Amino acid sequence: GPQVPALQHGAMRQSESIRHLWRDGAMTLALGLGGGPSINVTTGRAVG
């Protein structure tokens, strides 16, 4: 991921943070098997 300085990140709108620092725009999905739920999995993609 990119380097985004902390104060620059803190100045972003929430939508900007999701677009620039969250992997897959926070849309990663673990597909549910055997009748269980599918699960939205959020992780970071940036220096840090």
ModelCIF file with pLDDT and N, C-alpha, C, O atoms, coordinates in Angstrom:
data_MODEL
#
_entry.id   MODEL 
#
_entity.id                         1 
_entity.type                       polymer 
_entity.pdbx_number_of_molecules   1 
#
_entity_poly.entity_id                      1 
_entity_poly.type                           'polypeptide(L)' 
_entity_poly.nstd_linkage                   no 
_entity_poly.nstd_monomer                   no 
_entity_poly.pdbx_seq_one_letter_code       GPQVPALQHGAMRQSESIRHLWRDGAMTLALGLGGGPSINVTTGRAVG 
_entity_poly.pdbx_seq_one_letter_code_can   GPQVPALQHGAMRQSESIRHLWRDGAMTLALGLGGGPSINVTTGRAVG 
_entity_poly.pdbx_strand_id                 A 
#
loop_
_entity_poly_seq.entity_id 
_entity_poly_seq.num 
_entity_poly_seq.mon_id 
_entity_poly_seq.hetero 
1 1  GLY n 
1 2  PRO n 
1 3  GLN n 
1 4  VAL n 
1 5  PRO n 
1 6  ALA n 
1 7  LEU n 
1 8  GLN n 
1 9  HIS n 
1 10 GLY n 
1 11 ALA n 
1 12 MET n 
1 13 ARG n 
1 14 GLN n 
1 15 SER n 
1 16 GLU n 
1 17 SER n 
1 18 ILE n 
1 19 ARG n 
1 20 HIS n 
1 21 LEU n 
1 22 TRP n 
1 23 ARG n 
1 24 ASP n 
1 25 GLY n 
1 26 ALA n 
1 27 MET n 
1 28 THR n 
1 29 LEU n 
1 30 ALA n 
1 31 LEU n 
1 32 GLY n 
1 33 LEU n 
1 34 GLY n 
1 35 GLY n 
1 36 GLY n 
1 37 PRO n 
1 38 SER n 
1 39 ILE n 
1 40 ASN n 
1 41 VAL n 
1 42 THR n 
1 43 THR n 
1 44 GLY n 
1 45 ARG n 
1 46 ALA n 
1 47 VAL n 
1 48 GLY n 
#
_struct_asym.id          A 
_struct_asym.entity_id   1 
#
loop_
_ma_qa_metric.id 
_ma_qa_metric.mode 
_ma_qa_metric.name 
_ma_qa_metric.software_group_id 
_ma_qa_metric.type 
1 global pLDDT . pLDDT 
2 local  pLDDT . pLDDT 
#
_ma_qa_metric_global.metric_id      1 
_ma_qa_metric_global.metric_value   94.73 
_ma_qa_metric_global.model_id       1 
_ma_qa_metric_global.ordinal_id     1 
#
loop_
_ma_qa_metric_local.label_asym_id 
_ma_qa_metric_local.label_comp_id 
_ma_qa_metric_local.label_seq_id 
_ma_qa_metric_local.metric_id 
_ma_qa_metric_local.metric_value 
_ma_qa_metric_local.model_id 
_ma_qa_metric_local.ordinal_id 
A GLY 1  2 97.00 1 1  
A PRO 2  2 97.00 1 2  
A GLN 3  2 97.00 1 3  
A VAL 4  2 96.00 1 4  
A PRO 5  2 94.00 1 5  
A ALA 6  2 92.00 1 6  
A LEU 7  2 92.00 1 7  
A GLN 8  2 95.00 1 8  
A HIS 9  2 95.00 1 9  
A GLY 10 2 92.00 1 10 
A ALA 11 2 94.00 1 11 
A MET 12 2 94.00 1 12 
A ARG 13 2 91.00 1 13 
A GLN 14 2 89.00 1 14 
A SER 15 2 89.00 1 15 
A GLU 16 2 93.00 1 16 
A SER 17 2 93.00 1 17 
A ILE 18 2 93.00 1 18 
A ARG 19 2 93.00 1 19 
A HIS 20 2 94.00 1 20 
A LEU 21 2 95.00 1 21 
A TRP 22 2 95.00 1 22 
A ARG 23 2 94.00 1 23 
A ASP 24 2 92.00 1 24 
A GLY 25 2 92.00 1 25 
A ALA 26 2 91.00 1 26 
A MET 27 2 91.00 1 27 
A THR 28 2 94.00 1 28 
A LEU 29 2 95.00 1 29 
A ALA 30 2 97.00 1 30 
A LEU 31 2 97.00 1 31 
A GLY 32 2 98.00 1 32 
A LEU 33 2 97.00 1 33 
A GLY 34 2 96.00 1 34 
A GLY 35 2 95.00 1 35 
A GLY 36 2 96.00 1 36 
A PRO 37 2 97.00 1 37 
A SER 38 2 98.00 1 38 
A ILE 39 2 98.00 1 39 
A ASN 40 2 97.00 1 40 
A VAL 41 2 97.00 1 41 
A THR 42 2 95.00 1 42 
A THR 43 2 96.00 1 43 
A GLY 44 2 96.00 1 44 
A ARG 45 2 96.00 1 45 
A ALA 46 2 97.00 1 46 
A VAL 47 2 98.00 1 47 
A GLY 48 2 97.00 1 48 
#
loop_
_atom_site.group_PDB 
_atom_site.id 
_atom_site.type_symbol 
_atom_site.label_atom_id 
_atom_site.label_alt_id 
_atom_site.label_comp_id 
_atom_site.label_asym_id 
_atom_site.label_entity_id 
_atom_site.label_seq_id 
_atom_site.pdbx_PDB_ins_code 
_atom_site.Cartn_x 
_atom_site.Cartn_y 
_atom_site.Cartn_z 
_atom_site.occupancy 
_atom_site.B_iso_or_equiv 
_atom_site.pdbx_formal_charge 
_atom_site.auth_seq_id 
_atom_site.auth_comp_id 
_atom_site.auth_asym_id 
_atom_site.auth_atom_id 
_atom_site.pdbx_PDB_model_num 
ATOM 1   N N  . GLY A 1 1  ? 0.797   -1.213  0.000  1.00 97.00 ? 1  GLY A N  1 
ATOM 2   C CA . GLY A 1 1  ? 0.000   0.000   0.000  1.00 97.00 ? 1  GLY A CA 1 
ATOM 3   C C  . GLY A 1 1  ? 0.831   1.266   0.000  1.00 97.00 ? 1  GLY A C  1 
ATOM 4   O O  . GLY A 1 1  ? 2.061   1.211   0.031  1.00 97.00 ? 1  GLY A O  1 
ATOM 5   N N  . PRO A 1 2  ? 0.155   2.412   -0.035 1.00 97.00 ? 2  PRO A N  1 
ATOM 6   C CA . PRO A 1 2  ? 0.839   3.706   -0.077 1.00 97.00 ? 2  PRO A CA 1 
ATOM 7   C C  . PRO A 1 2  ? 1.245   4.181   1.316  1.00 97.00 ? 2  PRO A C  1 
ATOM 8   O O  . PRO A 1 2  ? 0.779   3.656   2.327  1.00 97.00 ? 2  PRO A O  1 
ATOM 9   N N  . GLN A 1 3  ? 2.114   5.174   1.348  1.00 97.00 ? 3  GLN A N  1 
ATOM 10  C CA . GLN A 1 3  ? 2.375   5.877   2.589  1.00 97.00 ? 3  GLN A CA 1 
ATOM 11  C C  . GLN A 1 3  ? 1.413   7.048   2.682  1.00 97.00 ? 3  GLN A C  1 
ATOM 12  O O  . GLN A 1 3  ? 1.382   7.909   1.802  1.00 97.00 ? 3  GLN A O  1 
ATOM 13  N N  . VAL A 1 4  ? 0.621   7.077   3.758  1.00 96.00 ? 4  VAL A N  1 
ATOM 14  C CA . VAL A 1 4  ? -0.302  8.183   4.005  1.00 96.00 ? 4  VAL A CA 1 
ATOM 15  C C  . VAL A 1 4  ? 0.015   8.716   5.397  1.00 96.00 ? 4  VAL A C  1 
ATOM 16  O O  . VAL A 1 4  ? -0.320  8.058   6.382  1.00 96.00 ? 4  VAL A O  1 
ATOM 17  N N  . PRO A 1 5  ? 0.648   9.882   5.518  1.00 94.00 ? 5  PRO A N  1 
ATOM 18  C CA . PRO A 1 5  ? 0.969   10.427  6.836  1.00 94.00 ? 5  PRO A CA 1 
ATOM 19  C C  . PRO A 1 5  ? -0.256  10.512  7.729  1.00 94.00 ? 5  PRO A C  1 
ATOM 20  O O  . PRO A 1 5  ? -1.366  10.731  7.244  1.00 94.00 ? 5  PRO A O  1 
ATOM 21  N N  . ALA A 1 6  ? -0.062  10.342  9.026  1.00 92.00 ? 6  ALA A N  1 
ATOM 22  C CA . ALA A 1 6  ? -1.181  10.232  9.963  1.00 92.00 ? 6  ALA A CA 1 
ATOM 23  C C  . ALA A 1 6  ? -2.109  11.437  9.914  1.00 92.00 ? 6  ALA A C  1 
ATOM 24  O O  . ALA A 1 6  ? -3.329  11.273  9.900  1.00 92.00 ? 6  ALA A O  1 
ATOM 25  N N  . LEU A 1 7  ? -1.559  12.635  9.888  1.00 92.00 ? 7  LEU A N  1 
ATOM 26  C CA . LEU A 1 7  ? -2.416  13.816  9.889  1.00 92.00 ? 7  LEU A CA 1 
ATOM 27  C C  . LEU A 1 7  ? -3.131  13.998  8.555  1.00 92.00 ? 7  LEU A C  1 
ATOM 28  O O  . LEU A 1 7  ? -4.237  14.536  8.512  1.00 92.00 ? 7  LEU A O  1 
ATOM 29  N N  . GLN A 1 8  ? -2.508  13.556  7.470  1.00 95.00 ? 8  GLN A N  1 
ATOM 30  C CA . GLN A 1 8  ? -3.189  13.580  6.174  1.00 95.00 ? 8  GLN A CA 1 
ATOM 31  C C  . GLN A 1 8  ? -4.352  12.591  6.192  1.00 95.00 ? 8  GLN A C  1 
ATOM 32  O O  . GLN A 1 8  ? -5.437  12.888  5.690  1.00 95.00 ? 8  GLN A O  1 
ATOM 33  N N  . HIS A 1 9  ? -4.121  11.432  6.764  1.00 95.00 ? 9  HIS A N  1 
ATOM 34  C CA . HIS A 1 9  ? -5.214  10.461  6.903  1.00 95.00 ? 9  HIS A CA 1 
ATOM 35  C C  . HIS A 1 9  ? -6.328  11.033  7.762  1.00 95.00 ? 9  HIS A C  1 
ATOM 36  O O  . HIS A 1 9  ? -7.507  10.894  7.438  1.00 95.00 ? 9  HIS A O  1 
ATOM 37  N N  . GLY A 1 10 ? -5.950  11.677  8.861  1.00 92.00 ? 10 GLY A N  1 
ATOM 38  C CA . GLY A 1 10 ? -6.956  12.224  9.763  1.00 92.00 ? 10 GLY A CA 1 
ATOM 39  C C  . GLY A 1 10 ? -7.775  13.347  9.154  1.00 92.00 ? 10 GLY A C  1 
ATOM 40  O O  . GLY A 1 10 ? -8.871  13.643  9.630  1.00 92.00 ? 10 GLY A O  1 
ATOM 41  N N  . ALA A 1 11 ? -7.259  13.976  8.105  1.00 94.00 ? 11 ALA A N  1 
ATOM 42  C CA . ALA A 1 11 ? -7.996  15.046  7.436  1.00 94.00 ? 11 ALA A CA 1 
ATOM 43  C C  . ALA A 1 11 ? -8.932  14.529  6.353  1.00 94.00 ? 11 ALA A C  1 
ATOM 44  O O  . ALA A 1 11 ? -9.719  15.294  5.795  1.00 94.00 ? 11 ALA A O  1 
ATOM 45  N N  . MET A 1 12 ? -8.853  13.228  6.050  1.00 94.00 ? 12 MET A N  1 
ATOM 46  C CA . MET A 1 12 ? -9.692  12.664  4.994  1.00 94.00 ? 12 MET A CA 1 
ATOM 47  C C  . MET A 1 12 ? -11.141 12.498  5.441  1.00 94.00 ? 12 MET A C  1 
ATOM 48  O O  . MET A 1 12 ? -11.419 12.313  6.626  1.00 94.00 ? 12 MET A O  1 
ATOM 49  N N  . ARG A 1 13 ? -12.051 12.564  4.489  1.00 91.00 ? 13 ARG A N  1 
ATOM 50  C CA . ARG A 1 13 ? -13.412 12.101  4.744  1.00 91.00 ? 13 ARG A CA 1 
ATOM 51  C C  . ARG A 1 13 ? -13.387 10.589  4.919  1.00 91.00 ? 13 ARG A C  1 
ATOM 52  O O  . ARG A 1 13 ? -12.452 9.924   4.475  1.00 91.00 ? 13 ARG A O  1 
ATOM 53  N N  . GLN A 1 14 ? -14.410 10.051  5.563  1.00 89.00 ? 14 GLN A N  1 
ATOM 54  C CA . GLN A 1 14 ? -14.448 8.597   5.771  1.00 89.00 ? 14 GLN A CA 1 
ATOM 55  C C  . GLN A 1 14 ? -14.399 7.844   4.441  1.00 89.00 ? 14 GLN A C  1 
ATOM 56  O O  . GLN A 1 14 ? -13.748 6.804   4.337  1.00 89.00 ? 14 GLN A O  1 
ATOM 57  N N  . SER A 1 15 ? -15.085 8.372   3.429  1.00 89.00 ? 15 SER A N  1 
ATOM 58  C CA . SER A 1 15 ? -15.085 7.710   2.128  1.00 89.00 ? 15 SER A CA 1 
ATOM 59  C C  . SER A 1 15 ? -13.691 7.717   1.508  1.00 89.00 ? 15 SER A C  1 
ATOM 60  O O  . SER A 1 15 ? -13.316 6.765   0.824  1.00 89.00 ? 15 SER A O  1 
ATOM 61  N N  . GLU A 1 16 ? -12.916 8.780   1.740  1.00 93.00 ? 16 GLU A N  1 
ATOM 62  C CA . GLU A 1 16 ? -11.554 8.837   1.224  1.00 93.00 ? 16 GLU A CA 1 
ATOM 63  C C  . GLU A 1 16 ? -10.664 7.819   1.935  1.00 93.00 ? 16 GLU A C  1 
ATOM 64  O O  . GLU A 1 16 ? -9.850  7.151   1.297  1.00 93.00 ? 16 GLU A O  1 
ATOM 65  N N  . SER A 1 17 ? -10.815 7.703   3.232  1.00 93.00 ? 17 SER A N  1 
ATOM 66  C CA . SER A 1 17 ? -10.040 6.713   3.985  1.00 93.00 ? 17 SER A CA 1 
ATOM 67  C C  . SER A 1 17 ? -10.312 5.313   3.454  1.00 93.00 ? 17 SER A C  1 
ATOM 68  O O  . SER A 1 17 ? -9.385  4.533   3.236  1.00 93.00 ? 17 SER A O  1 
ATOM 69  N N  . ILE A 1 18 ? -11.572 5.001   3.250  1.00 93.00 ? 18 ILE A N  1 
ATOM 70  C CA . ILE A 1 18 ? -11.933 3.674   2.748  1.00 93.00 ? 18 ILE A CA 1 
ATOM 71  C C  . ILE A 1 18 ? -11.339 3.447   1.363  1.00 93.00 ? 18 ILE A C  1 
ATOM 72  O O  . ILE A 1 18 ? -10.874 2.347   1.064  1.00 93.00 ? 18 ILE A O  1 
ATOM 73  N N  . ARG A 1 19 ? -11.347 4.448   0.536  1.00 93.00 ? 19 ARG A N  1 
ATOM 74  C CA . ARG A 1 19 ? -10.851 4.294   -0.825 1.00 93.00 ? 19 ARG A CA 1 
ATOM 75  C C  . ARG A 1 19 ? -9.330  4.151   -0.865 1.00 93.00 ? 19 ARG A C  1 
ATOM 76  O O  . ARG A 1 19 ? -8.808  3.380   -1.671 1.00 93.00 ? 19 ARG A O  1 
ATOM 77  N N  . HIS A 1 20 ? -8.621  4.871   -0.022 1.00 94.00 ? 20 HIS A N  1 
ATOM 78  C CA . HIS A 1 20 ? -7.166  4.915   -0.126 1.00 94.00 ? 20 HIS A CA 1 
ATOM 79  C C  . HIS A 1 20 ? -6.433  3.929   0.790  1.00 94.00 ? 20 HIS A C  1 
ATOM 80  O O  . HIS A 1 20 ? -5.333  3.490   0.455  1.00 94.00 ? 20 HIS A O  1 
ATOM 81  N N  . LEU A 1 21 ? -7.022  3.570   1.947  1.00 95.00 ? 21 LEU A N  1 
ATOM 82  C CA . LEU A 1 21 ? -6.284  2.766   2.917  1.00 95.00 ? 21 LEU A CA 1 
ATOM 83  C C  . LEU A 1 21 ? -6.906  1.414   3.227  1.00 95.00 ? 21 LEU A C  1 
ATOM 84  O O  . LEU A 1 21 ? -6.236  0.562   3.811  1.00 95.00 ? 21 LEU A O  1 
ATOM 85  N N  . TRP A 1 22 ? -8.147  1.187   2.864  1.00 95.00 ? 22 TRP A N  1 
ATOM 86  C CA . TRP A 1 22 ? -8.812  -0.068  3.187  1.00 95.00 ? 22 TRP A CA 1 
ATOM 87  C C  . TRP A 1 22 ? -8.723  -1.000  1.978  1.00 95.00 ? 22 TRP A C  1 
ATOM 88  O O  . TRP A 1 22 ? -9.036  -0.606  0.854  1.00 95.00 ? 22 TRP A O  1 
ATOM 89  N N  . ARG A 1 23 ? -8.303  -2.211  2.216  1.00 94.00 ? 23 ARG A N  1 
ATOM 90  C CA . ARG A 1 23 ? -8.191  -3.174  1.114  1.00 94.00 ? 23 ARG A CA 1 
ATOM 91  C C  . ARG A 1 23 ? -9.550  -3.418  0.486  1.00 94.00 ? 23 ARG A C  1 
ATOM 92  O O  . ARG A 1 23 ? -10.550 -3.616  1.176  1.00 94.00 ? 23 ARG A O  1 
ATOM 93  N N  . ASP A 1 24 ? -9.561  -3.400  -0.842 1.00 92.00 ? 24 ASP A N  1 
ATOM 94  C CA . ASP A 1 24 ? -10.789 -3.629  -1.616 1.00 92.00 ? 24 ASP A CA 1 
ATOM 95  C C  . ASP A 1 24 ? -11.898 -2.647  -1.258 1.00 92.00 ? 24 ASP A C  1 
ATOM 96  O O  . ASP A 1 24 ? -13.077 -2.969  -1.402 1.00 92.00 ? 24 ASP A O  1 
ATOM 97  N N  . GLY A 1 25 ? -11.531 -1.449  -0.794 1.00 92.00 ? 25 GLY A N  1 
ATOM 98  C CA . GLY A 1 25 ? -12.557 -0.490  -0.419 1.00 92.00 ? 25 GLY A CA 1 
ATOM 99  C C  . GLY A 1 25 ? -13.456 -1.016  0.682  1.00 92.00 ? 25 GLY A C  1 
ATOM 100 O O  . GLY A 1 25 ? -14.636 -0.671  0.742  1.00 92.00 ? 25 GLY A O  1 
ATOM 101 N N  . ALA A 1 26 ? -12.900 -1.861  1.564  1.00 91.00 ? 26 ALA A N  1 
ATOM 102 C CA . ALA A 1 26 ? -13.624 -2.465  2.699  1.00 91.00 ? 26 ALA A CA 1 
ATOM 103 C C  . ALA A 1 26 ? -14.702 -3.446  2.242  1.00 91.00 ? 26 ALA A C  1 
ATOM 104 O O  . ALA A 1 26 ? -15.671 -3.678  2.965  1.00 91.00 ? 26 ALA A O  1 
ATOM 105 N N  . MET A 1 27 ? -14.542 -4.029  1.042  1.00 91.00 ? 27 MET A N  1 
ATOM 106 C CA . MET A 1 27 ? -15.574 -4.915  0.499  1.00 91.00 ? 27 MET A CA 1 
ATOM 107 C C  . MET A 1 27 ? -15.126 -6.368  0.383  1.00 91.00 ? 27 MET A C  1 
ATOM 108 O O  . MET A 1 27 ? -15.786 -7.153  -0.298 1.00 91.00 ? 27 MET A O  1 
ATOM 109 N N  . THR A 1 28 ? -14.023 -6.751  1.030  1.00 94.00 ? 28 THR A N  1 
ATOM 110 C CA . THR A 1 28 ? -13.615 -8.154  1.012  1.00 94.00 ? 28 THR A CA 1 
ATOM 111 C C  . THR A 1 28 ? -14.678 -9.010  1.685  1.00 94.00 ? 28 THR A C  1 
ATOM 112 O O  . THR A 1 28 ? -15.251 -8.613  2.700  1.00 94.00 ? 28 THR A O  1 
ATOM 113 N N  . LEU A 1 29 ? -14.942 -10.183 1.119  1.00 95.00 ? 29 LEU A N  1 
ATOM 114 C CA . LEU A 1 29 ? -15.993 -11.043 1.648  1.00 95.00 ? 29 LEU A CA 1 
ATOM 115 C C  . LEU A 1 29 ? -15.470 -12.463 1.830  1.00 95.00 ? 29 LEU A C  1 
ATOM 116 O O  . LEU A 1 29 ? -14.858 -13.030 0.924  1.00 95.00 ? 29 LEU A O  1 
ATOM 117 N N  . ALA A 1 30 ? -15.714 -13.026 3.002  1.00 97.00 ? 30 ALA A N  1 
ATOM 118 C CA . ALA A 1 30 ? -15.486 -14.450 3.223  1.00 97.00 ? 30 ALA A CA 1 
ATOM 119 C C  . ALA A 1 30 ? -16.800 -15.159 2.931  1.00 97.00 ? 30 ALA A C  1 
ATOM 120 O O  . ALA A 1 30 ? -17.797 -14.937 3.618  1.00 97.00 ? 30 ALA A O  1 
ATOM 121 N N  . LEU A 1 31 ? -16.803 -16.008 1.917  1.00 97.00 ? 31 LEU A N  1 
ATOM 122 C CA . LEU A 1 31 ? -18.037 -16.654 1.469  1.00 97.00 ? 31 LEU A CA 1 
ATOM 123 C C  . LEU A 1 31 ? -18.484 -17.711 2.454  1.00 97.00 ? 31 LEU A C  1 
ATOM 124 O O  . LEU A 1 31 ? -17.723 -18.623 2.777  1.00 97.00 ? 31 LEU A O  1 
ATOM 125 N N  . GLY A 1 32 ? -19.701 -17.599 2.931  1.00 98.00 ? 32 GLY A N  1 
ATOM 126 C CA . GLY A 1 32 ? -20.231 -18.550 3.900  1.00 98.00 ? 32 GLY A CA 1 
ATOM 127 C C  . GLY A 1 32 ? -20.541 -19.889 3.264  1.00 98.00 ? 32 GLY A C  1 
ATOM 128 O O  . GLY A 1 32 ? -21.165 -19.948 2.205  1.00 98.00 ? 32 GLY A O  1 
ATOM 129 N N  . LEU A 1 33 ? -20.112 -20.958 3.901  1.00 97.00 ? 33 LEU A N  1 
ATOM 130 C CA . LEU A 1 33 ? -20.374 -22.321 3.451  1.00 97.00 ? 33 LEU A CA 1 
ATOM 131 C C  . LEU A 1 33 ? -21.224 -23.049 4.483  1.00 97.00 ? 33 LEU A C  1 
ATOM 132 O O  . LEU A 1 33 ? -21.261 -22.671 5.654  1.00 97.00 ? 33 LEU A O  1 
ATOM 133 N N  . GLY A 1 34 ? -21.906 -24.096 4.033  1.00 96.00 ? 34 GLY A N  1 
ATOM 134 C CA . GLY A 1 34 ? -22.646 -24.945 4.959  1.00 96.00 ? 34 GLY A CA 1 
ATOM 135 C C  . GLY A 1 34 ? -23.786 -24.263 5.671  1.00 96.00 ? 34 GLY A C  1 
ATOM 136 O O  . GLY A 1 34 ? -24.160 -24.672 6.771  1.00 96.00 ? 34 GLY A O  1 
ATOM 137 N N  . GLY A 1 35 ? -24.344 -23.237 5.075  1.00 95.00 ? 35 GLY A N  1 
ATOM 138 C CA . GLY A 1 35 ? -25.481 -22.554 5.699  1.00 95.00 ? 35 GLY A CA 1 
ATOM 139 C C  . GLY A 1 35 ? -25.102 -21.431 6.633  1.00 95.00 ? 35 GLY A C  1 
ATOM 140 O O  . GLY A 1 35 ? -25.981 -20.777 7.193  1.00 95.00 ? 35 GLY A O  1 
ATOM 141 N N  . GLY A 1 36 ? -23.795 -21.182 6.820  1.00 96.00 ? 36 GLY A N  1 
ATOM 142 C CA . GLY A 1 36 ? -23.369 -20.098 7.688  1.00 96.00 ? 36 GLY A CA 1 
ATOM 143 C C  . GLY A 1 36 ? -23.355 -18.771 6.960  1.00 96.00 ? 36 GLY A C  1 
ATOM 144 O O  . GLY A 1 36 ? -23.513 -18.733 5.740  1.00 96.00 ? 36 GLY A O  1 
ATOM 145 N N  . PRO A 1 37 ? -23.166 -17.678 7.693  1.00 97.00 ? 37 PRO A N  1 
ATOM 146 C CA . PRO A 1 37 ? -23.192 -16.357 7.064  1.00 97.00 ? 37 PRO A CA 1 
ATOM 147 C C  . PRO A 1 37 ? -21.929 -16.072 6.270  1.00 97.00 ? 37 PRO A C  1 
ATOM 148 O O  . PRO A 1 37 ? -20.862 -16.590 6.597  1.00 97.00 ? 37 PRO A O  1 
ATOM 149 N N  . SER A 1 38 ? -22.039 -15.256 5.233  1.00 98.00 ? 38 SER A N  1 
ATOM 150 C CA . SER A 1 38 ? -20.872 -14.650 4.610  1.00 98.00 ? 38 SER A CA 1 
ATOM 151 C C  . SER A 1 38 ? -20.449 -13.471 5.477  1.00 98.00 ? 38 SER A C  1 
ATOM 152 O O  . SER A 1 38 ? -21.282 -12.840 6.128  1.00 98.00 ? 38 SER A O  1 
ATOM 153 N N  . ILE A 1 39 ? -19.148 -13.177 5.481  1.00 98.00 ? 39 ILE A N  1 
ATOM 154 C CA . ILE A 1 39 ? -18.616 -12.219 6.439  1.00 98.00 ? 39 ILE A CA 1 
ATOM 155 C C  . ILE A 1 39 ? -17.788 -11.163 5.720  1.00 98.00 ? 39 ILE A C  1 
ATOM 156 O O  . ILE A 1 39 ? -16.851 -11.488 4.991  1.00 98.00 ? 39 ILE A O  1 
ATOM 157 N N  . ASN A 1 40 ? -18.134 -9.913  5.925  1.00 97.00 ? 40 ASN A N  1 
ATOM 158 C CA . ASN A 1 40 ? -17.347 -8.801  5.407  1.00 97.00 ? 40 ASN A CA 1 
ATOM 159 C C  . ASN A 1 40 ? -16.067 -8.677  6.237  1.00 97.00 ? 40 ASN A C  1 
ATOM 160 O O  . ASN A 1 40 ? -16.133 -8.477  7.450  1.00 97.00 ? 40 ASN A O  1 
ATOM 161 N N  . VAL A 1 41 ? -14.901 -8.796  5.588  1.00 97.00 ? 41 VAL A N  1 
ATOM 162 C CA . VAL A 1 41 ? -13.614 -8.780  6.287  1.00 97.00 ? 41 VAL A CA 1 
ATOM 163 C C  . VAL A 1 41 ? -12.850 -7.519  5.881  1.00 97.00 ? 41 VAL A C  1 
ATOM 164 O O  . VAL A 1 41 ? -12.533 -7.339  4.705  1.00 97.00 ? 41 VAL A O  1 
ATOM 165 N N  . THR A 1 42 ? -12.556 -6.655  6.840  1.00 95.00 ? 42 THR A N  1 
ATOM 166 C CA . THR A 1 42 ? -11.879 -5.402  6.538  1.00 95.00 ? 42 THR A CA 1 
ATOM 167 C C  . THR A 1 42 ? -10.450 -5.422  7.071  1.00 95.00 ? 42 THR A C  1 
ATOM 168 O O  . THR A 1 42 ? -10.214 -5.786  8.223  1.00 95.00 ? 42 THR A O  1 
ATOM 169 N N  . THR A 1 43 ? -9.495  -5.027  6.223  1.00 96.00 ? 43 THR A N  1 
ATOM 170 C CA . THR A 1 43 ? -8.100  -4.928  6.603  1.00 96.00 ? 43 THR A CA 1 
ATOM 171 C C  . THR A 1 43 ? -7.491  -3.698  5.932  1.00 96.00 ? 43 THR A C  1 
ATOM 172 O O  . THR A 1 43 ? -8.078  -3.118  5.018  1.00 96.00 ? 43 THR A O  1 
ATOM 173 N N  . GLY A 1 44 ? -6.305  -3.313  6.402  1.00 96.00 ? 44 GLY A N  1 
ATOM 174 C CA . GLY A 1 44 ? -5.644  -2.142  5.873  1.00 96.00 ? 44 GLY A CA 1 
ATOM 175 C C  . GLY A 1 44 ? -4.675  -2.470  4.754  1.00 96.00 ? 44 GLY A C  1 
ATOM 176 O O  . GLY A 1 44 ? -4.188  -3.595  4.639  1.00 96.00 ? 44 GLY A O  1 
ATOM 177 N N  . ARG A 1 45 ? -4.405  -1.474  3.939  1.00 96.00 ? 45 ARG A N  1 
ATOM 178 C CA . ARG A 1 45 ? -3.452  -1.598  2.842  1.00 96.00 ? 45 ARG A CA 1 
ATOM 179 C C  . ARG A 1 45 ? -2.715  -0.267  2.732  1.00 96.00 ? 45 ARG A C  1 
ATOM 180 O O  . ARG A 1 45 ? -3.056  0.582   1.909  1.00 96.00 ? 45 ARG A O  1 
ATOM 181 N N  . ALA A 1 46 ? -1.699  -0.102  3.577  1.00 97.00 ? 46 ALA A N  1 
ATOM 182 C CA . ALA A 1 46 ? -0.952  1.152   3.645  1.00 97.00 ? 46 ALA A CA 1 
ATOM 183 C C  . ALA A 1 46 ? 0.269   0.921   4.521  1.00 97.00 ? 46 ALA A C  1 
ATOM 184 O O  . ALA A 1 46 ? 0.360   -0.094  5.211  1.00 97.00 ? 46 ALA A O  1 
ATOM 185 N N  . VAL A 1 47 ? 1.204   1.857   4.494  1.00 98.00 ? 47 VAL A N  1 
ATOM 186 C CA . VAL A 1 47 ? 2.331   1.797   5.425  1.00 98.00 ? 47 VAL A CA 1 
ATOM 187 C C  . VAL A 1 47 ? 1.763   1.970   6.834  1.00 98.00 ? 47 VAL A C  1 
ATOM 188 O O  . VAL A 1 47 ? 1.240   3.029   7.181  1.00 98.00 ? 47 VAL A O  1 
ATOM 189 N N  . GLY A 1 48 ? 1.873   0.926   7.627  1.00 97.00 ? 48 GLY A N  1 
ATOM 190 C CA . GLY A 1 48 ? 1.226   0.882   8.936  1.00 97.00 ? 48 GLY A CA 1 
ATOM 191 C C  . GLY A 1 48 ? 0.145   -0.170  9.007  1.00 97.00 ? 48 GLY A C  1 
ATOM 192 O O  . GLY A 1 48 ? -0.493  -0.330  10.047 1.00 97.00 ? 48 GLY A O  1 
#
